[in-house]
Amino acid sequence: MKDIYEEEDQYRRWYDKDPILAKSMHTLEASDDETQIKVALNIIKIIVEHNMAYSEYSDVDDIITAVEDGLDPSLNNRWYDIDKTVKVAITMLESTPFETQKVIAKQMAQMVVNKIKEDKDEEEVQQELDSEE
């Protein structure tokens, strides 16, 4: 019988425990900067909806500042540490309960898919315009 600590060790990152969350994070990591920031802002909004602990803040910038102030400055070598909005969103996501992470992971996956579709639609329109010239 496996020890619970052995099971915990099989995951490299905190988000690898849930396959949907892991896939969403990998897709987000491979996305362009604009997509990452848009998804990060949506993640923050979703977390605020699910977690009233942030209800005292009037807007997303206040939340970002408050969470950023509590971050460990030595942690800057992860893919999501490059942009402060993405870093704050992922940090907030990491600190949510596992069940909430699962809900957010599904929404996050849909956001990334929608953004990719939107980008492809824009590319197709631009290609059509270019070919008409």
C-alpha atoms as a PDB file:
ATOM      1  CA  MET A   1       0.000   0.000   0.000  1.00  0.00           C
ATOM      2  CA  LYS A   2       1.331   3.427  -0.997  1.00  0.00           C
ATOM      3  CA  ASP A   3       2.089   5.950   1.643  1.00  0.00           C
ATOM      4  CA  ILE A   4       0.262   9.278   1.105  1.00  0.00           C
ATOM      5  CA  TYR A   5       3.615  11.087   1.099  1.00  0.00           C
ATOM      6  CA  GLU A   6       4.875   8.863  -1.718  1.00  0.00           C
ATOM      7  CA  GLU A   7       1.816   9.820  -3.769  1.00  0.00           C
ATOM      8  CA  GLU A   8       2.444  13.515  -3.114  1.00  0.00           C
ATOM      9  CA  ASP A   9       6.042  13.159  -4.329  1.00  0.00           C
ATOM     10  CA  GLN A  10       4.988  11.890  -7.740  1.00  0.00           C
ATOM     11  CA  TYR A  11       3.799  15.385  -8.717  1.00  0.00           C
ATOM     12  CA  ARG A  12       6.454  17.839  -9.830  1.00  0.00           C
ATOM     13  CA  ARG A  13       4.256  20.892  -9.449  1.00  0.00           C
ATOM     14  CA  TRP A  14       1.240  21.664  -7.274  1.00  0.00           C
ATOM     15  CA  TYR A  15      -1.065  21.839 -10.291  1.00  0.00           C
ATOM     16  CA  ASP A  16      -0.115  18.385 -11.608  1.00  0.00           C
ATOM     17  CA  LYS A  17      -2.454  16.765  -9.054  1.00  0.00           C
ATOM     18  CA  ASP A  18      -5.466  17.512 -11.279  1.00  0.00           C
ATOM     19  CA  PRO A  19      -5.161  16.470 -14.954  1.00  0.00           C
ATOM     20  CA  ILE A  20      -7.453  19.250 -16.203  1.00  0.00           C
ATOM     21  CA  LEU A  21      -5.604  21.886 -14.210  1.00  0.00           C
ATOM     22  CA  ALA A  22      -2.243  20.523 -15.387  1.00  0.00           C
ATOM     23  CA  LYS A  23      -3.365  20.619 -19.031  1.00  0.00           C
ATOM     24  CA  SER A  24      -4.792  24.119 -18.598  1.00  0.00           C
ATOM     25  CA  MET A  25      -1.548  25.346 -17.051  1.00  0.00           C
ATOM     26  CA  HIS A  26       0.555  23.782 -19.806  1.00  0.00           C
ATOM     27  CA  THR A  27      -1.669  25.350 -22.477  1.00  0.00           C
ATOM     28  CA  LEU A  28      -1.525  28.701 -20.711  1.00  0.00           C
ATOM     29  CA  GLU A  29       2.263  28.459 -20.462  1.00  0.00           C
ATOM     30  CA  ALA A  30       2.484  27.895 -24.235  1.00  0.00           C
ATOM     31  CA  SER A  31       0.159  30.833 -24.959  1.00  0.00           C
ATOM     32  CA  ASP A  32       1.307  34.289 -25.978  1.00  0.00           C
ATOM     33  CA  ASP A  33       1.738  37.017 -23.356  1.00  0.00           C
ATOM     34  CA  GLU A  34      -1.546  38.751 -24.198  1.00  0.00           C
ATOM     35  CA  THR A  35      -3.503  35.515 -23.746  1.00  0.00           C
ATOM     36  CA  GLN A  36      -1.741  34.769 -20.465  1.00  0.00           C
ATOM     37  CA  ILE A  37      -2.620  38.195 -19.067  1.00  0.00           C
ATOM     38  CA  LYS A  38      -6.266  38.014 -20.206  1.00  0.00           C
ATOM     39  CA  VAL A  39      -6.665  34.549 -18.705  1.00  0.00           C
ATOM     40  CA  ALA A  40      -4.876  35.668 -15.513  1.00  0.00           C
ATOM     41  CA  LEU A  41      -7.300  38.567 -15.059  1.00  0.00           C
ATOM     42  CA  ASN A  42     -10.210  36.180 -15.532  1.00  0.00           C
ATOM     43  CA  ILE A  43      -8.700  33.724 -13.030  1.00  0.00           C
ATOM     44  CA  ILE A  44      -8.481  36.527 -10.458  1.00  0.00           C
ATOM     45  CA  LYS A  45     -12.110  37.474 -11.096  1.00  0.00           C
ATOM     46  CA  ILE A  46     -13.250  33.846 -10.782  1.00  0.00           C
ATOM     47  CA  ILE A  47     -11.312  33.364  -7.553  1.00  0.00           C
ATOM     48  CA  VAL A  48     -12.829  36.540  -6.115  1.00  0.00           C
ATOM     49  CA  GLU A  49     -16.299  35.237  -7.026  1.00  0.00           C
ATOM     50  CA  HIS A  50     -15.567  31.945  -5.231  1.00  0.00           C
ATOM     51  CA  ASN A  51     -13.642  33.429  -2.323  1.00  0.00           C
ATOM     52  CA  MET A  52     -15.036  36.342  -0.409  1.00  0.00           C
ATOM     53  CA  ALA A  53     -11.708  36.873   1.382  1.00  0.00           C
ATOM     54  CA  TYR A  54     -10.837  39.415  -1.314  1.00  0.00           C
ATOM     55  CA  SER A  55     -14.183  41.228  -1.146  1.00  0.00           C
ATOM     56  CA  GLU A  56     -12.712  44.238   0.672  1.00  0.00           C
ATOM     57  CA  TYR A  57     -10.846  45.284  -2.477  1.00  0.00           C
ATOM     58  CA  SER A  58     -12.593  47.546  -4.958  1.00  0.00           C
ATOM     59  CA  ASP A  59     -10.841  46.422  -8.134  1.00  0.00           C
ATOM     60  CA  VAL A  60      -8.443  43.886  -9.611  1.00  0.00           C
ATOM     61  CA  ASP A  61      -5.445  46.240  -9.357  1.00  0.00           C
ATOM     62  CA  ASP A  62      -5.940  46.449  -5.585  1.00  0.00           C
ATOM     63  CA  ILE A  63      -6.062  42.654  -5.356  1.00  0.00           C
ATOM     64  CA  ILE A  64      -2.927  42.294  -7.492  1.00  0.00           C
ATOM     65  CA  THR A  65      -1.083  44.799  -5.297  1.00  0.00           C
ATOM     66  CA  ALA A  66      -2.222  43.134  -2.061  1.00  0.00           C
ATOM     67  CA  VAL A  67      -1.278  39.625  -3.200  1.00  0.00           C
ATOM     68  CA  GLU A  68       1.982  40.803  -4.769  1.00  0.00           C
ATOM     69  CA  ASP A  69       3.004  42.451  -1.482  1.00  0.00           C
ATOM     70  CA  GLY A  70       2.756  39.057   0.244  1.00  0.00           C
ATOM     71  CA  LEU A  71       4.804  37.138  -2.341  1.00  0.00           C
ATOM     72  CA  ASP A  72       8.258  35.764  -1.704  1.00  0.00           C
ATOM     73  CA  PRO A  73      10.605  37.839  -3.907  1.00  0.00           C
ATOM     74  CA  SER A  74      13.040  34.928  -4.192  1.00  0.00           C
ATOM     75  CA  LEU A  75      10.486  32.935  -6.199  1.00  0.00           C
ATOM     76  CA  ASN A  76      11.073  34.260  -9.693  1.00  0.00           C
ATOM     77  CA  ASN A  77      12.205  31.293 -11.738  1.00  0.00           C
ATOM     78  CA  ARG A  78       8.829  29.818 -12.709  1.00  0.00           C
ATOM     79  CA  TRP A  79       7.289  30.431 -16.137  1.00  0.00           C
ATOM     80  CA  TYR A  80       4.479  32.492 -14.651  1.00  0.00           C
ATOM     81  CA  ASP A  81       6.756  34.805 -12.649  1.00  0.00           C
ATOM     82  CA  ILE A  82       7.574  36.946 -15.701  1.00  0.00           C
ATOM     83  CA  ASP A  83       4.365  39.012 -15.565  1.00  0.00           C
ATOM     84  CA  LYS A  84       3.030  40.244 -12.225  1.00  0.00           C
ATOM     85  CA  THR A  85      -0.632  39.747 -13.185  1.00  0.00           C
ATOM     86  CA  VAL A  86      -0.024  36.141 -14.223  1.00  0.00           C
ATOM     87  CA  LYS A  87       2.119  35.532 -11.136  1.00  0.00           C
ATOM     88  CA  VAL A  88      -0.571  36.888  -8.808  1.00  0.00           C
ATOM     89  CA  ALA A  89      -3.346  34.917 -10.543  1.00  0.00           C
ATOM     90  CA  ILE A  90      -1.434  31.628 -10.353  1.00  0.00           C
ATOM     91  CA  THR A  91      -0.406  32.316  -6.748  1.00  0.00           C
ATOM     92  CA  MET A  92      -4.032  32.983  -5.832  1.00  0.00           C
ATOM     93  CA  LEU A  93      -5.086  29.832  -7.677  1.00  0.00           C
ATOM     94  CA  GLU A  94      -2.485  27.784  -5.817  1.00  0.00           C
ATOM     95  CA  SER A  95      -3.820  28.995  -2.470  1.00  0.00           C
ATOM     96  CA  THR A  96      -7.449  28.124  -3.222  1.00  0.00           C
ATOM     97  CA  PRO A  97      -8.915  24.843  -1.976  1.00  0.00           C
ATOM     98  CA  PHE A  98      -8.444  21.859  -4.294  1.00  0.00           C
ATOM     99  CA  GLU A  99     -12.159  21.658  -5.118  1.00  0.00           C
ATOM    100  CA  THR A 100     -12.177  25.322  -6.168  1.00  0.00           C
ATOM    101  CA  GLN A 101      -9.043  24.719  -8.254  1.00  0.00           C
ATOM    102  CA  LYS A 102     -10.903  21.991 -10.129  1.00  0.00           C
ATOM    103  CA  VAL A 103     -13.791  24.338 -10.933  1.00  0.00           C
ATOM    104  CA  ILE A 104     -11.431  27.110 -12.017  1.00  0.00           C
ATOM    105  CA  ALA A 105      -9.352  24.671 -14.108  1.00  0.00           C
ATOM    106  CA  LYS A 106     -12.364  23.873 -16.283  1.00  0.00           C
ATOM    107  CA  GLN A 107     -13.179  27.555 -16.743  1.00  0.00           C
ATOM    108  CA  MET A 108      -9.528  28.327 -17.398  1.00  0.00           C
ATOM    109  CA  ALA A 109      -9.292  25.636 -20.067  1.00  0.00           C
ATOM    110  CA  GLN A 110     -12.356  27.066 -21.787  1.00  0.00           C
ATOM    111  CA  MET A 111     -10.891  30.595 -21.665  1.00  0.00           C
ATOM    112  CA  VAL A 112      -7.649  29.459 -23.297  1.00  0.00           C
ATOM    113  CA  VAL A 113      -9.514  27.483 -25.990  1.00  0.00           C
ATOM    114  CA  ASN A 114     -11.769  30.471 -26.704  1.00  0.00           C
ATOM    115  CA  LYS A 115      -8.771  32.805 -27.004  1.00  0.00           C
ATOM    116  CA  ILE A 116      -7.017  30.418 -29.389  1.00  0.00           C
ATOM    117  CA  LYS A 117     -10.179  30.167 -31.526  1.00  0.00           C
ATOM    118  CA  GLU A 118     -10.533  33.953 -31.495  1.00  0.00           C
ATOM    119  CA  ASP A 119      -6.911  34.374 -32.633  1.00  0.00           C
ATOM    120  CA  LYS A 120      -7.380  31.819 -35.425  1.00  0.00           C
ATOM    121  CA  ASP A 121     -10.557  33.580 -36.590  1.00  0.00           C
ATOM    122  CA  GLU A 122      -8.682  36.897 -36.708  1.00  0.00           C
ATOM    123  CA  GLU A 123      -5.862  35.252 -38.685  1.00  0.00           C
ATOM    124  CA  GLU A 124      -8.323  33.768 -41.179  1.00  0.00           C
ATOM    125  CA  VAL A 125     -10.034  37.131 -41.701  1.00  0.00           C
ATOM    126  CA  GLN A 126      -6.663  38.809 -42.208  1.00  0.00           C
ATOM    127  CA  GLN A 127      -5.625  36.102 -44.711  1.00  0.00           C
ATOM    128  CA  GLU A 128      -8.870  36.620 -46.633  1.00  0.00           C
ATOM    129  CA  LEU A 129      -8.289  40.362 -46.705  1.00  0.00           C
ATOM    130  CA  ASP A 130      -4.715  39.874 -47.869  1.00  0.00           C
ATOM    131  CA  SER A 131      -5.750  37.493 -50.641  1.00  0.00           C
ATOM    132  CA  GLU A 132      -8.371  39.964 -51.946  1.00  0.00           C
ATOM    133  CA  GLU A 133      -5.735  42.633 -52.545  1.00  0.00           C
END
